[in-house]
Amino acid sequence: MATYSRTGTHKGGRTSGLAIAGLVCGIVGLFILPIVLGPLAIVFGAVALRQTGSAMAKWALGLGVVDILLMIVMFAVAANNGGSFSWHIG
């Protein structure tokens, strides 16, 4: 249960800034620079998980792993297409 001080400020569990940073890196990494933002999400998420054990830190770790796997798939597709990566829709 959350407690309140005399000034009315909330003294419940705080969300770790590292967990937020990891989650943001993981989400943005799905769209741009997954090779950079994926490992950052994993590092931030792991540190936040150690400090707080929050679900947000677990999501950051998971998204970081997805970012790295996405980059590996993109490299494999580019290697099979002669070094280029392009989308052909339609």
N, C-alpha and C. Protein backbone atom coordinates (compact mmCIF):
# COMPACT_ATOMS: atom_id res chain seq x y z
N MET A 1 0.83 -1.17 0.00
CA MET A 1 0.00 0.00 0.00
C MET A 1 0.88 1.24 0.00
N ALA A 2 0.55 2.21 -0.78
CA ALA A 2 1.32 3.44 -0.87
C ALA A 2 1.04 4.32 0.34
N THR A 3 2.06 5.01 0.78
CA THR A 3 1.89 5.93 1.90
C THR A 3 2.12 7.35 1.43
N TYR A 4 1.58 8.28 2.15
CA TYR A 4 1.72 9.69 1.80
C TYR A 4 2.31 10.44 2.99
N SER A 5 3.18 11.39 2.70
CA SER A 5 3.74 12.21 3.77
C SER A 5 2.81 13.37 4.05
N ARG A 6 3.19 14.20 4.98
CA ARG A 6 2.36 15.35 5.34
C ARG A 6 2.15 16.30 4.17
N THR A 7 3.13 16.39 3.31
CA THR A 7 3.01 17.31 2.17
C THR A 7 2.17 16.72 1.04
N GLY A 8 1.78 15.47 1.17
CA GLY A 8 0.93 14.85 0.16
C GLY A 8 1.70 14.19 -0.97
N THR A 9 3.01 14.11 -0.83
CA THR A 9 3.78 13.46 -1.89
C THR A 9 3.68 11.95 -1.76
N HIS A 10 3.72 11.29 -2.87
CA HIS A 10 3.57 9.84 -2.95
C HIS A 10 4.90 9.17 -2.60
N LYS A 11 4.88 8.20 -1.70
CA LYS A 11 6.09 7.49 -1.32
C LYS A 11 6.04 6.02 -1.70
N GLY A 12 5.37 5.69 -2.78
CA GLY A 12 5.28 4.30 -3.22
C GLY A 12 6.53 3.90 -3.99
N GLY A 13 6.45 2.78 -4.69
CA GLY A 13 7.58 2.32 -5.48
C GLY A 13 7.83 3.24 -6.67
N ARG A 14 9.07 3.60 -6.84
CA ARG A 14 9.43 4.47 -7.95
C ARG A 14 9.87 3.63 -9.14
N THR A 15 9.60 4.14 -10.31
CA THR A 15 10.05 3.48 -11.53
C THR A 15 11.48 3.90 -11.79
N SER A 16 12.31 2.95 -12.10
CA SER A 16 13.72 3.22 -12.34
C SER A 16 13.89 3.98 -13.66
N GLY A 17 14.73 4.99 -13.64
CA GLY A 17 15.04 5.74 -14.85
C GLY A 17 15.74 4.86 -15.87
N LEU A 18 16.55 3.91 -15.38
CA LEU A 18 17.22 2.99 -16.30
C LEU A 18 16.23 2.07 -16.99
N ALA A 19 15.19 1.66 -16.28
CA ALA A 19 14.16 0.81 -16.90
C ALA A 19 13.43 1.59 -17.99
N ILE A 20 13.14 2.84 -17.73
CA ILE A 20 12.48 3.67 -18.74
C ILE A 20 13.39 3.87 -19.94
N ALA A 21 14.67 4.16 -19.68
CA ALA A 21 15.63 4.35 -20.78
C ALA A 21 15.76 3.07 -21.61
N GLY A 22 15.82 1.93 -20.94
CA GLY A 22 15.91 0.66 -21.65
C GLY A 22 14.69 0.37 -22.49
N LEU A 23 13.52 0.67 -21.94
CA LEU A 23 12.28 0.44 -22.68
C LEU A 23 12.21 1.35 -23.90
N VAL A 24 12.59 2.60 -23.74
CA VAL A 24 12.59 3.53 -24.88
C VAL A 24 13.59 3.08 -25.94
N CYS A 25 14.79 2.68 -25.52
CA CYS A 25 15.78 2.19 -26.48
C CYS A 25 15.27 0.95 -27.21
N GLY A 26 14.61 0.06 -26.50
CA GLY A 26 14.08 -1.16 -27.11
C GLY A 26 12.99 -0.86 -28.12
N ILE A 27 12.09 0.06 -27.80
CA ILE A 27 11.00 0.39 -28.71
C ILE A 27 11.52 1.13 -29.94
N VAL A 28 12.35 2.14 -29.72
CA VAL A 28 12.89 2.90 -30.85
C VAL A 28 13.79 2.02 -31.70
N GLY A 29 14.50 1.09 -31.07
CA GLY A 29 15.39 0.19 -31.79
C GLY A 29 14.66 -0.74 -32.75
N LEU A 30 13.37 -0.93 -32.55
CA LEU A 30 12.60 -1.74 -33.51
C LEU A 30 12.50 -1.04 -34.85
N PHE A 31 12.63 0.27 -34.86
CA PHE A 31 12.44 1.05 -36.09
C PHE A 31 13.74 1.61 -36.66
N ILE A 32 14.64 2.10 -35.80
CA ILE A 32 15.90 2.65 -36.30
C ILE A 32 17.05 2.19 -35.41
N LEU A 33 18.19 1.97 -36.00
CA LEU A 33 19.44 1.61 -35.33
C LEU A 33 19.32 0.48 -34.31
N PRO A 34 18.79 -0.66 -34.70
CA PRO A 34 18.67 -1.75 -33.72
C PRO A 34 20.02 -2.30 -33.26
N ILE A 35 21.07 -2.12 -34.06
CA ILE A 35 22.38 -2.64 -33.67
C ILE A 35 22.99 -1.83 -32.52
N VAL A 36 22.57 -0.58 -32.38
CA VAL A 36 23.06 0.27 -31.29
C VAL A 36 22.09 0.25 -30.12
N LEU A 37 20.81 0.42 -30.41
CA LEU A 37 19.83 0.57 -29.35
C LEU A 37 19.47 -0.75 -28.68
N GLY A 38 19.61 -1.87 -29.38
CA GLY A 38 19.33 -3.18 -28.79
C GLY A 38 20.24 -3.49 -27.61
N PRO A 39 21.56 -3.42 -27.81
CA PRO A 39 22.45 -3.67 -26.67
C PRO A 39 22.28 -2.66 -25.53
N LEU A 40 21.98 -1.41 -25.88
CA LEU A 40 21.73 -0.41 -24.84
C LEU A 40 20.50 -0.79 -24.01
N ALA A 41 19.45 -1.25 -24.69
CA ALA A 41 18.25 -1.67 -23.99
C ALA A 41 18.55 -2.85 -23.06
N ILE A 42 19.38 -3.77 -23.51
CA ILE A 42 19.73 -4.93 -22.68
C ILE A 42 20.52 -4.50 -21.45
N VAL A 43 21.49 -3.62 -21.64
CA VAL A 43 22.31 -3.16 -20.51
C VAL A 43 21.46 -2.38 -19.51
N PHE A 44 20.68 -1.41 -20.00
CA PHE A 44 19.84 -0.63 -19.10
C PHE A 44 18.82 -1.51 -18.39
N GLY A 45 18.23 -2.44 -19.14
CA GLY A 45 17.24 -3.34 -18.54
C GLY A 45 17.84 -4.26 -17.49
N ALA A 46 19.04 -4.76 -17.74
CA ALA A 46 19.68 -5.66 -16.78
C ALA A 46 20.04 -4.93 -15.49
N VAL A 47 20.56 -3.72 -15.62
CA VAL A 47 20.90 -2.95 -14.42
C VAL A 47 19.64 -2.60 -13.63
N ALA A 48 18.60 -2.17 -14.35
CA ALA A 48 17.34 -1.83 -13.68
C ALA A 48 16.69 -3.06 -13.05
N LEU A 49 16.81 -4.20 -13.70
CA LEU A 49 16.25 -5.44 -13.14
C LEU A 49 16.95 -5.81 -11.84
N ARG A 50 18.25 -5.60 -11.81
CA ARG A 50 19.01 -5.88 -10.60
C ARG A 50 18.63 -4.92 -9.47
N GLN A 51 18.38 -3.66 -9.83
CA GLN A 51 18.06 -2.66 -8.80
C GLN A 51 16.62 -2.79 -8.30
N THR A 52 15.68 -2.97 -9.21
CA THR A 52 14.28 -2.91 -8.83
C THR A 52 13.50 -4.19 -9.07
N GLY A 53 13.87 -4.95 -10.09
CA GLY A 53 13.11 -6.16 -10.44
C GLY A 53 11.78 -5.85 -11.08
N SER A 54 11.65 -4.68 -11.69
CA SER A 54 10.37 -4.25 -12.25
C SER A 54 10.06 -4.94 -13.58
N ALA A 55 8.79 -4.95 -13.90
CA ALA A 55 8.36 -5.53 -15.16
C ALA A 55 8.85 -4.71 -16.34
N MET A 56 8.98 -3.40 -16.15
CA MET A 56 9.48 -2.55 -17.23
C MET A 56 10.91 -2.92 -17.61
N ALA A 57 11.72 -3.29 -16.62
CA ALA A 57 13.09 -3.72 -16.88
C ALA A 57 13.10 -5.03 -17.67
N LYS A 58 12.17 -5.92 -17.35
CA LYS A 58 12.06 -7.19 -18.09
C LYS A 58 11.66 -6.95 -19.54
N TRP A 59 10.74 -6.01 -19.75
CA TRP A 59 10.35 -5.67 -21.12
C TRP A 59 11.52 -5.05 -21.88
N ALA A 60 12.31 -4.24 -21.21
CA ALA A 60 13.48 -3.64 -21.86
C ALA A 60 14.45 -4.72 -22.30
N LEU A 61 14.69 -5.70 -21.44
CA LEU A 61 15.56 -6.82 -21.81
C LEU A 61 15.01 -7.57 -23.02
N GLY A 62 13.74 -7.87 -22.98
CA GLY A 62 13.12 -8.61 -24.08
C GLY A 62 13.16 -7.85 -25.39
N LEU A 63 12.86 -6.57 -25.35
CA LEU A 63 12.90 -5.76 -26.58
C LEU A 63 14.33 -5.61 -27.10
N GLY A 64 15.30 -5.55 -26.20
CA GLY A 64 16.69 -5.49 -26.63
C GLY A 64 17.10 -6.74 -27.38
N VAL A 65 16.67 -7.89 -26.88
CA VAL A 65 16.96 -9.16 -27.55
C VAL A 65 16.26 -9.20 -28.91
N VAL A 66 15.02 -8.74 -28.97
CA VAL A 66 14.28 -8.70 -30.24
C VAL A 66 14.99 -7.78 -31.24
N ASP A 67 15.51 -6.64 -30.77
CA ASP A 67 16.25 -5.73 -31.64
C ASP A 67 17.46 -6.41 -32.26
N ILE A 68 18.21 -7.13 -31.44
CA ILE A 68 19.41 -7.81 -31.94
C ILE A 68 19.03 -8.90 -32.92
N LEU A 69 17.99 -9.67 -32.61
CA LEU A 69 17.54 -10.72 -33.54
C LEU A 69 17.06 -10.11 -34.86
N LEU A 70 16.37 -8.99 -34.78
CA LEU A 70 15.92 -8.29 -35.99
C LEU A 70 17.11 -7.86 -36.83
N MET A 71 18.15 -7.37 -36.21
CA MET A 71 19.33 -6.95 -36.95
C MET A 71 20.02 -8.14 -37.60
N ILE A 72 20.09 -9.27 -36.92
CA ILE A 72 20.69 -10.47 -37.50
C ILE A 72 19.90 -10.92 -38.73
N VAL A 73 18.57 -10.89 -38.63
CA VAL A 73 17.73 -11.26 -39.77
C VAL A 73 17.95 -10.30 -40.94
N MET A 74 18.04 -9.01 -40.63
CA MET A 74 18.26 -8.01 -41.69
C MET A 74 19.61 -8.22 -42.36
N PHE A 75 20.65 -8.54 -41.58
CA PHE A 75 21.96 -8.83 -42.17
C PHE A 75 21.90 -10.07 -43.05
N ALA A 76 21.18 -11.11 -42.62
CA ALA A 76 21.07 -12.34 -43.41
C ALA A 76 20.33 -12.07 -44.72
N VAL A 77 19.27 -11.29 -44.68
CA VAL A 77 18.53 -10.96 -45.90
C VAL A 77 19.40 -10.14 -46.84
N ALA A 78 20.14 -9.18 -46.29
CA ALA A 78 21.01 -8.35 -47.11
C ALA A 78 22.12 -9.19 -47.74
N ALA A 79 22.65 -10.16 -46.99
CA ALA A 79 23.71 -11.01 -47.53
C ALA A 79 23.20 -11.88 -48.67
N ASN A 80 21.95 -12.33 -48.58
CA ASN A 80 21.38 -13.15 -49.63
C ASN A 80 20.98 -12.35 -50.86
N ASN A 81 20.84 -11.04 -50.71
CA ASN A 81 20.46 -10.19 -51.83
C ASN A 81 21.65 -9.45 -52.43
N GLY A 82 22.82 -9.96 -52.26
CA GLY A 82 23.99 -9.33 -52.84
C GLY A 82 24.44 -8.08 -52.10
N GLY A 83 24.14 -7.98 -50.84
CA GLY A 83 24.61 -6.86 -50.04
C GLY A 83 23.64 -5.69 -49.95
N SER A 84 22.46 -5.83 -50.52
CA SER A 84 21.48 -4.72 -50.43
C SER A 84 20.23 -5.21 -49.70
N PHE A 85 19.57 -4.27 -49.10
CA PHE A 85 18.34 -4.59 -48.39
C PHE A 85 17.27 -3.64 -48.86
N SER A 86 16.22 -4.18 -49.46
CA SER A 86 15.14 -3.31 -49.94
C SER A 86 13.82 -4.04 -49.77
N TRP A 87 12.78 -3.25 -49.66
CA TRP A 87 11.42 -3.78 -49.52
C TRP A 87 10.70 -3.65 -50.84
N HIS A 88 10.05 -4.71 -51.26
CA HIS A 88 9.22 -4.69 -52.47
C HIS A 88 7.81 -5.06 -52.06
N ILE A 89 6.95 -4.08 -52.06
CA ILE A 89 5.57 -4.31 -51.65
C ILE A 89 4.69 -4.26 -52.90
N GLY A 90 3.88 -5.27 -53.07
CA GLY A 90 2.91 -5.26 -54.16
C GLY A 90 3.28 -6.04 -55.33
